[in-house]
C-alpha atoms as a PDB file:
ATOM      1  CA  MET A   1     156.980 -42.243 -71.901  1.00  0.00           C
ATOM      2  CA  GLY A   2     153.125 -43.168 -71.150  1.00  0.00           C
ATOM      3  CA  LYS A   3     151.456 -39.792 -72.467  1.00  0.00           C
ATOM      4  CA  ALA A   4     152.532 -40.448 -76.307  1.00  0.00           C
ATOM      5  CA  LYS A   5     150.181 -43.672 -76.856  1.00  0.00           C
ATOM      6  CA  GLY A   6     146.545 -43.600 -76.668  1.00  0.00           C
ATOM      7  CA  PHE A   7     143.485 -45.138 -74.429  1.00  0.00           C
ATOM      8  CA  ARG A   8     142.955 -48.099 -76.399  1.00  0.00           C
ATOM      9  CA  HIS A   9     146.777 -48.841 -76.423  1.00  0.00           C
ATOM     10  CA  LYS A  10     147.388 -48.524 -72.676  1.00  0.00           C
ATOM     11  CA  VAL A  11     144.179 -50.758 -72.032  1.00  0.00           C
ATOM     12  CA  ARG A  12     145.311 -53.230 -74.682  1.00  0.00           C
ATOM     13  CA  MET A  13     148.727 -53.301 -72.595  1.00  0.00           C
ATOM     14  CA  ASP A  14     146.981 -53.441 -69.655  1.00  0.00           C
ATOM     15  CA  LEU A  15     144.953 -56.651 -71.056  1.00  0.00           C
ATOM     16  CA  GLU A  16     148.171 -58.037 -72.244  1.00  0.00           C
ATOM     17  CA  GLN A  17     149.835 -57.817 -68.917  1.00  0.00           C
ATOM     18  CA  TYR A  18     147.007 -59.538 -66.803  1.00  0.00           C
ATOM     19  CA  ALA A  19     146.901 -61.963 -69.376  1.00  0.00           C
ATOM     20  CA  ARG A  20     151.060 -62.914 -69.315  1.00  0.00           C
ATOM     21  CA  ASN A  21     150.418 -63.304 -65.615  1.00  0.00           C
ATOM     22  CA  GLN A  22     147.828 -65.887 -66.188  1.00  0.00           C
ATOM     23  CA  GLY A  23     149.193 -67.675 -69.037  1.00  0.00           C
ATOM     24  CA  ARG A  24     146.801 -66.831 -71.352  1.00  0.00           C
ATOM     25  CA  GLU A  25     146.049 -64.758 -74.369  1.00  0.00           C
ATOM     26  CA  ALA A  26     144.565 -61.262 -74.535  1.00  0.00           C
ATOM     27  CA  THR A  27     141.243 -61.430 -75.968  1.00  0.00           C
ATOM     28  CA  LEU A  28     137.583 -59.656 -75.869  1.00  0.00           C
ATOM     29  CA  SER A  29     136.592 -62.520 -73.475  1.00  0.00           C
ATOM     30  CA  LEU A  30     139.403 -62.018 -71.499  1.00  0.00           C
ATOM     31  CA  PHE A  31     138.842 -58.643 -71.225  1.00  0.00           C
ATOM     32  CA  LEU A  32     135.012 -58.934 -70.285  1.00  0.00           C
ATOM     33  CA  TYR A  33     136.318 -61.214 -67.516  1.00  0.00           C
ATOM     34  CA  HIS A  34     138.781 -58.998 -66.051  1.00  0.00           C
ATOM     35  CA  TRP A  35     136.550 -56.170 -66.694  1.00  0.00           C
ATOM     36  CA  PHE A  36     133.686 -57.801 -64.661  1.00  0.00           C
ATOM     37  CA  LEU A  37     135.535 -59.484 -62.104  1.00  0.00           C
ATOM     38  CA  THR A  38     139.099 -58.652 -61.372  1.00  0.00           C
ATOM     39  CA  PRO A  39     138.979 -55.578 -59.388  1.00  0.00           C
ATOM     40  CA  GLY A  40     142.706 -54.334 -59.970  1.00  0.00           C
ATOM     41  CA  PHE A  41     141.969 -54.142 -63.938  1.00  0.00           C
ATOM     42  CA  LEU A  42     138.818 -52.414 -63.505  1.00  0.00           C
ATOM     43  CA  PHE A  43     140.740 -49.886 -61.226  1.00  0.00           C
ATOM     44  CA  VAL A  44     143.353 -49.396 -63.810  1.00  0.00           C
ATOM     45  CA  PHE A  45     140.992 -49.016 -66.748  1.00  0.00           C
ATOM     46  CA  ASN A  46     138.810 -46.711 -65.066  1.00  0.00           C
ATOM     47  CA  PHE A  47     141.789 -44.468 -64.288  1.00  0.00           C
ATOM     48  CA  ARG A  48     142.431 -44.307 -68.112  1.00  0.00           C
ATOM     49  CA  LEU A  49     138.852 -43.643 -68.670  1.00  0.00           C
ATOM     50  CA  GLY A  50     139.196 -40.688 -66.253  1.00  0.00           C
ATOM     51  CA  GLN A  51     142.177 -39.439 -68.308  1.00  0.00           C
ATOM     52  CA  LEU A  52     140.268 -40.189 -71.493  1.00  0.00           C
ATOM     53  CA  ALA A  53     137.233 -38.079 -70.083  1.00  0.00           C
ATOM     54  CA  GLY A  54     139.630 -35.444 -68.887  1.00  0.00           C
ATOM     55  CA  ARG A  55     140.563 -34.673 -72.824  1.00  0.00           C
ATOM     56  CA  LEU A  56     136.899 -33.678 -73.899  1.00  0.00           C
ATOM     57  CA  PRO A  57     136.461 -30.470 -74.581  1.00  0.00           C
ATOM     58  CA  VAL A  58     133.868 -28.410 -71.805  1.00  0.00           C
ATOM     59  CA  CYS A  59     133.282 -30.811 -69.049  1.00  0.00           C
ATOM     60  CA  GLY A  60     136.075 -32.790 -69.324  1.00  0.00           C
ATOM     61  CA  LYS A  61     137.947 -31.701 -66.446  1.00  0.00           C
ATOM     62  CA  VAL A  62     134.434 -32.041 -64.279  1.00  0.00           C
ATOM     63  CA  LEU A  63     134.244 -35.545 -65.631  1.00  0.00           C
ATOM     64  CA  ARG A  64     138.172 -36.868 -64.675  1.00  0.00           C
ATOM     65  CA  LYS A  65     137.366 -35.952 -61.483  1.00  0.00           C
ATOM     66  CA  LEU A  66     134.360 -37.459 -60.842  1.00  0.00           C
ATOM     67  CA  VAL A  67     135.867 -41.194 -62.390  1.00  0.00           C
ATOM     68  CA  TRP A  68     138.756 -39.967 -60.000  1.00  0.00           C
ATOM     69  CA  ARG A  69     136.297 -39.859 -56.981  1.00  0.00           C
ATOM     70  CA  ARG A  70     134.523 -42.954 -57.514  1.00  0.00           C
ATOM     71  CA  ASN A  71     137.690 -45.148 -58.209  1.00  0.00           C
ATOM     72  CA  SER A  72     139.260 -43.808 -54.583  1.00  0.00           C
ATOM     73  CA  ILE A  73     135.933 -44.496 -53.104  1.00  0.00           C
ATOM     74  CA  ARG A  74     135.241 -47.621 -54.514  1.00  0.00           C
ATOM     75  CA  PHE A  75     139.475 -49.303 -54.212  1.00  0.00           C
ATOM     76  CA  GLY A  76     140.357 -47.243 -51.251  1.00  0.00           C
ATOM     77  CA  CYS A  77     143.040 -45.251 -53.059  1.00  0.00           C
ATOM     78  CA  GLU A  78     144.342 -42.436 -55.159  1.00  0.00           C
ATOM     79  CA  ILE A  79     146.157 -42.042 -58.496  1.00  0.00           C
ATOM     80  CA  ASP A  80     146.327 -38.428 -59.411  1.00  0.00           C
ATOM     81  CA  PRO A  81     144.451 -38.052 -62.605  1.00  0.00           C
ATOM     82  CA  VAL A  82     147.103 -36.201 -64.444  1.00  0.00           C
ATOM     83  CA  ALA A  83     149.880 -38.607 -63.377  1.00  0.00           C
ATOM     84  CA  ASP A  84     151.395 -40.134 -66.426  1.00  0.00           C
ATOM     85  CA  ILE A  85     151.199 -44.193 -66.386  1.00  0.00           C
ATOM     86  CA  GLY A  86     152.459 -46.326 -69.333  1.00  0.00           C
ATOM     87  CA  GLY A  87     150.350 -48.956 -70.688  1.00  0.00           C
ATOM     88  CA  GLY A  88     150.843 -52.774 -68.766  1.00  0.00           C
ATOM     89  CA  LEU A  89     150.250 -51.381 -65.255  1.00  0.00           C
ATOM     90  CA  TYR A  90     149.455 -54.457 -63.020  1.00  0.00           C
ATOM     91  CA  THR A  91     147.582 -54.050 -59.963  1.00  0.00           C
ATOM     92  CA  PRO A  92     146.560 -57.305 -59.058  1.00  0.00           C
ATOM     93  CA  HIS A  93     144.968 -56.044 -55.509  1.00  0.00           C
ATOM     94  CA  PRO A  94     144.537 -52.352 -56.098  1.00  0.00           C
ATOM     95  CA  TYR A  95     143.746 -51.016 -52.425  1.00  0.00           C
ATOM     96  CA  GLY A  96     145.896 -48.339 -50.217  1.00  0.00           C
ATOM     97  CA  ILE A  97     147.696 -47.623 -53.507  1.00  0.00           C
ATOM     98  CA  VAL A  98     148.560 -43.784 -53.987  1.00  0.00           C
ATOM     99  CA  ILE A  99     150.229 -41.914 -56.417  1.00  0.00           C
ATOM    100  CA  GLY A 100     150.944 -38.441 -56.327  1.00  0.00           C
ATOM    101  CA  ASN A 101     150.678 -35.810 -59.744  1.00  0.00           C
ATOM    102  CA  GLU A 102     154.138 -35.394 -60.686  1.00  0.00           C
ATOM    103  CA  CYS A 103     154.752 -39.111 -60.679  1.00  0.00           C
ATOM    104  CA  HIS A 104     155.835 -40.889 -63.983  1.00  0.00           C
ATOM    105  CA  ILE A 105     155.346 -44.536 -64.371  1.00  0.00           C
ATOM    106  CA  GLY A 106     156.896 -46.214 -67.565  1.00  0.00           C
ATOM    107  CA  GLU A 107     155.228 -49.571 -69.287  1.00  0.00           C
ATOM    108  CA  ASN A 108     154.662 -53.148 -67.548  1.00  0.00           C
ATOM    109  CA  VAL A 109     154.853 -52.257 -64.301  1.00  0.00           C
ATOM    110  CA  GLU A 110     153.221 -54.169 -61.216  1.00  0.00           C
ATOM    111  CA  ILE A 111     152.438 -52.357 -58.364  1.00  0.00           C
ATOM    112  CA  LEU A 112     150.992 -54.380 -55.102  1.00  0.00           C
ATOM    113  CA  HIS A 113     148.466 -53.106 -52.506  1.00  0.00           C
ATOM    114  CA  ASN A 114     149.608 -50.401 -49.799  1.00  0.00           C
ATOM    115  CA  VAL A 115     152.095 -48.788 -52.284  1.00  0.00           C
ATOM    116  CA  THR A 116     152.741 -44.756 -51.810  1.00  0.00           C
ATOM    117  CA  ILE A 117     154.698 -42.874 -54.375  1.00  0.00           C
ATOM    118  CA  GLY A 118     155.198 -39.186 -54.508  1.00  0.00           C
ATOM    119  CA  ARG A 119     157.172 -36.389 -53.386  1.00  0.00           C
ATOM    120  CA  THR A 120     156.677 -33.874 -50.345  1.00  0.00           C
ATOM    121  CA  SER A 121     157.264 -29.988 -50.389  1.00  0.00           C
ATOM    122  CA  ARG A 122     161.043 -30.855 -49.471  1.00  0.00           C
ATOM    123  CA  PHE A 123     161.804 -32.131 -52.543  1.00  0.00           C
ATOM    124  CA  LYS A 124     162.108 -30.141 -55.900  1.00  0.00           C
ATOM    125  CA  ARG A 125     163.423 -31.877 -58.846  1.00  0.00           C
ATOM    126  CA  PRO A 126     161.522 -30.266 -61.301  1.00  0.00           C
ATOM    127  CA  GLU A 127     160.298 -33.875 -63.141  1.00  0.00           C
ATOM    128  CA  GLY A 128     158.995 -35.483 -59.989  1.00  0.00           C
ATOM    129  CA  THR A 129     158.847 -38.973 -59.434  1.00  0.00           C
ATOM    130  CA  PHE A 130     160.162 -41.515 -62.213  1.00  0.00           C
ATOM    131  CA  ILE A 131     159.588 -45.090 -62.192  1.00  0.00           C
ATOM    132  CA  GLY A 132     160.968 -47.046 -65.042  1.00  0.00           C
ATOM    133  CA  ASP A 133     159.724 -49.681 -67.527  1.00  0.00           C
ATOM    134  CA  GLY A 134     159.486 -53.232 -66.034  1.00  0.00           C
ATOM    135  CA  VAL A 135     159.416 -52.306 -62.129  1.00  0.00           C
ATOM    136  CA  THR A 136     158.174 -54.317 -59.472  1.00  0.00           C
ATOM    137  CA  LEU A 137     156.867 -51.928 -56.633  1.00  0.00           C
ATOM    138  CA  ALA A 138     155.734 -54.849 -53.617  1.00  0.00           C
ATOM    139  CA  VAL A 139     153.867 -54.564 -50.785  1.00  0.00           C
ATOM    140  CA  GLY A 140     153.595 -51.320 -48.765  1.00  0.00           C
ATOM    141  CA  CYS A 141     156.751 -49.866 -50.083  1.00  0.00           C
ATOM    142  CA  ALA A 142     156.950 -46.175 -50.074  1.00  0.00           C
ATOM    143  CA  ILE A 143     158.858 -44.175 -52.572  1.00  0.00           C
ATOM    144  CA  ILE A 144     159.190 -40.456 -51.168  1.00  0.00           C
ATOM    145  CA  GLY A 145     160.732 -37.431 -53.169  1.00  0.00           C
ATOM    146  CA  ASP A 146     161.625 -37.142 -56.476  1.00  0.00           C
ATOM    147  CA  ILE A 147     162.922 -40.648 -56.624  1.00  0.00           C
ATOM    148  CA  ARG A 148     164.139 -42.557 -59.974  1.00  0.00           C
ATOM    149  CA  ILE A 149     164.029 -45.769 -59.987  1.00  0.00           C
ATOM    150  CA  GLY A 150     165.736 -47.430 -63.212  1.00  0.00           C
ATOM    151  CA  ASP A 151     164.333 -49.917 -65.406  1.00  0.00           C
ATOM    152  CA  GLY A 152     164.057 -53.389 -64.365  1.00  0.00           C
ATOM    153  CA  ALA A 153     164.360 -52.705 -60.367  1.00  0.00           C
ATOM    154  CA  THR A 154     162.484 -54.028 -57.682  1.00  0.00           C
ATOM    155  CA  VAL A 155     161.491 -52.401 -54.625  1.00  0.00           C
ATOM    156  CA  GLY A 156     160.893 -54.843 -51.543  1.00  0.00           C
ATOM    157  CA  ALA A 157     157.919 -55.340 -49.202  1.00  0.00           C
ATOM    158  CA  ASN A 158     157.526 -52.572 -46.762  1.00  0.00           C
ATOM    159  CA  ALA A 159     161.109 -50.440 -48.053  1.00  0.00           C
ATOM    160  CA  VAL A 160     160.919 -46.962 -47.688  1.00  0.00           C
ATOM    161  CA  VAL A 161     163.050 -45.602 -51.011  1.00  0.00           C
ATOM    162  CA  LEU A 162     164.637 -41.896 -50.776  1.00  0.00           C
ATOM    163  CA  LYS A 163     167.459 -42.362 -52.650  1.00  0.00           C
ATOM    164  CA  ASP A 164     167.458 -43.473 -56.648  1.00  0.00           C
ATOM    165  CA  VAL A 165     167.159 -47.023 -57.366  1.00  0.00           C
ATOM    166  CA  PRO A 166     169.782 -47.883 -60.542  1.00  0.00           C
ATOM    167  CA  ALA A 167     168.131 -50.213 -63.191  1.00  0.00           C
ATOM    168  CA  GLY A 168     167.785 -54.011 -62.553  1.00  0.00           C
ATOM    169  CA  LYS A 169     168.570 -53.280 -58.777  1.00  0.00           C
ATOM    170  CA  ILE A 170     166.412 -54.554 -55.891  1.00  0.00           C
ATOM    171  CA  ALA A 171     166.100 -52.263 -52.858  1.00  0.00           C
ATOM    172  CA  VAL A 172     164.703 -53.314 -49.684  1.00  0.00           C
ATOM    173  CA  GLY A 173     164.574 -52.106 -45.610  1.00  0.00           C
ATOM    174  CA  ASN A 174     163.789 -48.791 -43.928  1.00  0.00           C
ATOM    175  CA  PRO A 175     165.658 -47.024 -45.663  1.00  0.00           C
ATOM    176  CA  ALA A 176     165.599 -48.845 -48.372  1.00  0.00           C
ATOM    177  CA  VAL A 177     169.398 -50.326 -49.289  1.00  0.00           C
ATOM    178  CA  ILE A 178     170.504 -51.048 -52.716  1.00  0.00           C
ATOM    179  CA  ARG A 179     170.996 -55.141 -53.341  1.00  0.00           C
ATOM    180  CA  GLY A 180     171.790 -57.127 -56.302  1.00  0.00           C
END
């Protein structure tokens, strides 16, 4: 999943996802444009930078925590620095996102604002929460517990997911029911 590929590859996939959503090519000028002017891209880039800093031998964990803290304050959100997130993460509005440490998120996932992903002490599946490739998590949805969201699934706005969502399906409502 996410950890198998390096920093440059994941950033490249992130840029390609932003470029696809604009109907453009992933170029250096587009990278600079998004880095300076797109909060979502900067948020994801800083998350990746924090993970890269965490690999430094002596001060890595401290640097990773500092990058995490700055990202959290600037965007009003939290992605745990050890969350496993694949390349191609697209967050057009990164505000209010909370992702816990036992989360595994696949490639080319779209996460909109005010999304919460994580577990509580009641849920004890050892692998944690798993979000597949190509998943869309709409505004305000909450995925609570050790849930598996299959590849290509969609979680609707303000849905509260308490059960697994099969690949290609749509989860809507509170508590979420599976459609499609």
